[in-house]
Protein backbone atom coordinates (compact mmCIF):
# COMPACT_ATOMS: atom_id res chain seq x y z
CA MET A 1 68.83 -45.67 -2.14
CA LYS A 2 69.30 -41.77 -2.16
CA THR A 3 67.14 -41.33 -5.38
CA LEU A 4 64.11 -42.87 -3.17
CA ILE A 5 64.21 -40.27 -0.55
CA PRO A 6 62.59 -37.44 -2.56
CA LEU A 7 60.17 -39.85 -3.74
CA LEU A 8 58.94 -40.89 -0.35
CA GLU A 9 58.93 -37.28 0.94
CA ASN A 10 56.43 -36.61 -2.07
CA HIS A 11 54.34 -39.43 -1.04
CA TYR A 12 53.37 -37.53 2.16
CA ILE A 13 52.12 -34.56 0.17
CA HIS A 14 48.67 -36.10 0.12
CA GLU A 15 48.74 -37.45 3.65
CA PRO A 16 46.99 -35.90 6.64
CA GLN A 17 49.41 -33.18 8.32
CA LYS A 18 49.49 -34.72 11.65
CA LEU A 19 51.04 -38.02 9.85
CA ARG A 20 53.29 -35.94 8.09
CA ASP A 21 54.53 -34.10 10.98
CA HIS A 22 55.11 -37.29 12.89
CA VAL A 23 57.01 -38.76 9.90
CA TRP A 24 59.29 -35.85 9.62
CA ARG A 25 60.06 -35.74 13.44
CA VAL A 26 60.94 -39.60 13.32
CA ARG A 27 63.28 -38.71 10.59
CA GLU A 28 64.90 -35.98 12.59
CA VAL A 29 65.39 -38.29 15.85
CA ALA A 30 66.61 -41.30 13.52
CA LEU A 31 69.19 -39.16 11.78
CA ARG A 32 70.53 -37.92 14.93
CA LEU A 33 70.82 -41.33 16.51
CA ALA A 34 72.31 -42.62 13.08
CA ALA A 35 75.12 -39.99 13.17
CA VAL A 36 76.10 -40.77 16.58
CA HIS A 37 76.02 -44.68 16.06
CA HIS A 38 77.37 -44.52 12.64
CA ILE A 39 74.37 -45.96 10.92
CA ASP A 40 74.06 -45.24 7.22
CA ARG A 41 72.39 -42.07 6.64
CA ASP A 42 70.33 -43.17 3.37
CA ALA A 43 69.44 -45.95 4.79
CA CYS A 44 68.16 -44.55 7.86
CA GLU A 45 66.22 -41.82 6.07
CA VAL A 46 64.50 -44.48 3.42
CA ALA A 47 63.58 -46.48 6.67
CA ALA A 48 62.38 -43.30 8.68
CA LEU A 49 60.34 -42.09 5.70
CA GLY A 50 58.93 -45.38 4.83
CA HIS A 51 57.77 -46.38 8.18
CA ASP A 52 54.37 -45.23 8.00
CA LEU A 53 53.82 -44.77 4.40
CA PHE A 54 50.63 -46.42 4.42
CA ARG A 55 49.43 -45.61 8.04
CA ALA A 56 46.52 -43.31 7.06
CA ARG A 57 44.47 -46.10 5.03
CA PRO A 58 40.94 -47.73 5.68
CA GLN A 59 40.93 -50.95 7.42
CA GLU A 60 40.13 -52.96 4.05
CA PHE A 61 43.07 -51.48 2.54
CA TYR A 62 45.30 -53.33 5.20
CA ARG A 63 43.49 -56.72 4.90
CA GLU A 64 43.71 -56.54 0.92
CA HIS A 65 47.39 -55.55 0.64
CA ALA A 66 48.21 -57.96 3.50
CA ALA A 67 46.61 -60.66 1.54
CA HIS A 68 48.39 -59.48 -1.67
CA PHE A 69 51.72 -59.47 -0.25
CA ARG A 70 51.11 -62.85 1.81
CA LEU A 71 51.49 -61.23 5.14
CA LEU A 72 48.34 -62.35 6.86
CA ARG A 73 48.46 -63.36 10.50
CA PRO A 74 45.54 -64.55 12.76
CA GLU A 75 46.81 -62.09 15.61
CA TYR A 76 45.91 -59.21 13.28
CA ALA A 77 42.64 -60.31 12.29
CA ASP A 78 40.92 -57.59 14.72
CA ALA A 79 43.93 -55.07 14.38
CA PRO A 80 44.63 -54.89 10.55
CA LEU A 81 46.35 -51.56 11.18
CA MET A 82 49.26 -53.40 12.44
CA TYR A 83 49.99 -54.73 8.81
CA HIS A 84 50.80 -50.94 7.88
CA GLY A 85 54.83 -51.31 8.12
CA ALA A 86 54.90 -54.79 6.75
CA ILE A 87 52.88 -53.53 3.85
CA ALA A 88 55.17 -50.63 3.36
CA ALA A 89 58.28 -52.86 3.59
CA ALA A 90 56.98 -55.41 1.04
CA TRP A 91 55.72 -52.09 -1.38
CA LEU A 92 59.60 -50.73 -1.09
CA GLN A 93 60.83 -54.14 -1.99
CA ALA A 94 58.33 -54.80 -4.75
CA GLU A 95 57.83 -51.24 -6.13
CA HIS A 96 61.50 -49.62 -5.81
CA GLY A 97 63.56 -52.76 -5.54
CA VAL A 98 64.86 -51.86 -2.08
CA GLU A 99 66.96 -55.11 -1.09
CA ASP A 100 68.70 -53.95 2.21
CA GLN A 101 67.31 -56.42 4.74
CA ALA A 102 68.00 -54.05 7.77
CA VAL A 103 65.82 -51.13 5.85
CA LEU A 104 62.99 -53.62 5.24
CA PHE A 105 62.99 -55.14 8.85
CA ALA A 106 63.26 -51.65 10.20
CA VAL A 107 60.13 -50.41 8.29
CA ALA A 108 58.16 -53.85 8.50
CA ASP A 109 58.84 -54.11 12.38
CA HIS A 110 58.48 -50.65 13.70
CA THR A 111 55.32 -51.03 15.45
CA THR A 112 56.22 -54.17 17.43
CA LEU A 113 59.68 -55.13 17.20
CA SER A 114 60.39 -58.64 16.11
CA ALA A 115 63.13 -60.96 16.94
CA ARG A 116 64.80 -60.76 13.26
CA ALA A 117 65.02 -56.94 13.81
CA ALA A 118 65.72 -56.82 17.52
CA LEU A 119 69.48 -56.67 17.14
CA LEU A 120 69.76 -54.44 14.10
CA PRO A 121 70.91 -51.08 14.86
CA LEU A 122 68.92 -49.32 12.15
CA ALA A 123 65.76 -51.41 13.24
CA GLN A 124 66.37 -50.43 16.94
CA ASN A 125 67.02 -46.92 15.65
CA ILE A 126 63.49 -46.37 13.82
CA PHE A 127 61.81 -48.24 16.51
CA LEU A 128 63.11 -45.88 19.22
CA ALA A 129 62.41 -42.79 16.85
CA ASP A 130 58.97 -43.80 16.29
CA LYS A 131 57.89 -44.31 19.80
CA LEU A 132 60.01 -41.41 21.15
CA GLU A 133 59.88 -38.65 18.67
CA PRO A 134 59.06 -35.10 20.64
CA ALA A 135 55.34 -35.22 20.16
CA LYS A 136 55.02 -38.77 21.91
CA LYS A 137 54.47 -38.74 25.51
CA GLY A 138 55.62 -41.53 27.60
CA ARG A 139 56.44 -41.87 31.18
CA ASN A 140 60.38 -42.61 30.63
CA ASN A 141 60.72 -41.09 26.85
CA GLN A 142 63.54 -38.66 27.57
CA LYS A 143 65.20 -41.22 29.85
CA ILE A 144 65.25 -43.97 27.06
CA LEU A 145 66.13 -41.12 24.30
CA THR A 146 68.97 -39.82 26.32
CA LEU A 147 70.12 -43.45 26.71
CA ALA A 148 69.67 -44.02 23.02
CA GLU A 149 72.46 -41.56 22.39
CA THR A 150 74.74 -43.99 24.25
CA ASP A 151 73.12 -47.48 23.82
CA LEU A 152 70.73 -48.48 21.22
CA ARG A 153 70.40 -51.83 22.38
CA LEU A 154 69.77 -51.07 26.25
CA ALA A 155 67.22 -48.21 25.16
CA THR A 156 65.26 -50.76 22.95
CA LEU A 157 65.34 -53.13 25.85
CA MET A 158 63.86 -50.50 28.12
CA LEU A 159 61.42 -49.28 25.84
CA VAL A 160 60.38 -52.99 25.05
CA GLU A 161 59.94 -53.63 28.73
CA GLN A 162 57.73 -50.31 29.43
CA MET A 163 55.63 -51.50 26.36
CA ILE A 164 55.09 -55.22 27.77
CA ASP A 165 54.49 -53.84 31.15
CA GLY A 166 51.93 -51.19 29.68
CA MET A 167 50.21 -53.75 27.63
CA GLU A 168 50.13 -56.46 30.47
CA ARG A 169 48.88 -53.72 32.91
CA GLU A 170 46.16 -52.13 30.74
CA ALA A 171 45.03 -55.47 29.15
CA ARG A 172 43.69 -53.73 25.74
CA PHE A 173 46.09 -55.27 23.77
CA PRO A 174 47.65 -58.84 23.98
CA VAL A 175 51.65 -58.66 23.83
CA SER A 176 52.56 -59.97 20.76
CA GLN A 177 54.99 -63.00 20.29
CA ASP A 178 56.93 -60.89 18.34
CA LEU A 179 57.63 -58.58 21.06
CA ARG A 180 58.19 -61.08 23.67
CA ASP A 181 60.79 -62.62 21.30
CA ALA A 182 62.64 -59.36 20.83
CA HIS A 183 62.75 -58.77 24.45
CA ARG A 184 64.14 -62.19 25.05
CA ILE A 185 66.61 -61.73 22.35
CA LEU A 186 67.37 -57.96 23.63
CA SER A 187 67.67 -59.39 27.36
CA HIS A 188 69.91 -62.63 26.33
CA ALA A 189 72.28 -60.06 24.46
CA ASN A 190 72.41 -57.57 27.23
CA HIS A 191 73.75 -60.29 29.48
CA THR A 192 76.48 -61.46 27.16
């Protein structure tokens, strides 16, 4: 997997500077959390670099590639950007032979965590790093990031609850079933 890292870094040469800067900050946060929580460094770096590989594409790209990789979901019909992580994971698997399910789930599910990824430390790490990197402004970001240094699962639960609360309050986007399922699993795991 280590040999994939420079290839992914090179991918961002032609991407917008703002996106490249974001991905580099996500990698920095993710690697810091990985060291604390003993998460494989190479897997973490591939997931961090892979999570937004196709973030800066036209809407039609997402629809075409979601169809190609059989990822189409009715709830994303009006929001095709939501496919960007799943497309990146499918591409990493198809084009580069990535088989590590934790890496693939971390990349695919970094936007709205899913039940399948909710309890995977690598997926929690990438989800948190993507939402809490220093340029992101959120009401509890620093508190959640500090908590993530000691408890990834609880920090993930706190961020998921904050996201659900914000989505319900603002009513701009419906809360996905994936996010609700991730919340249920994280809540249950936190009480056991």
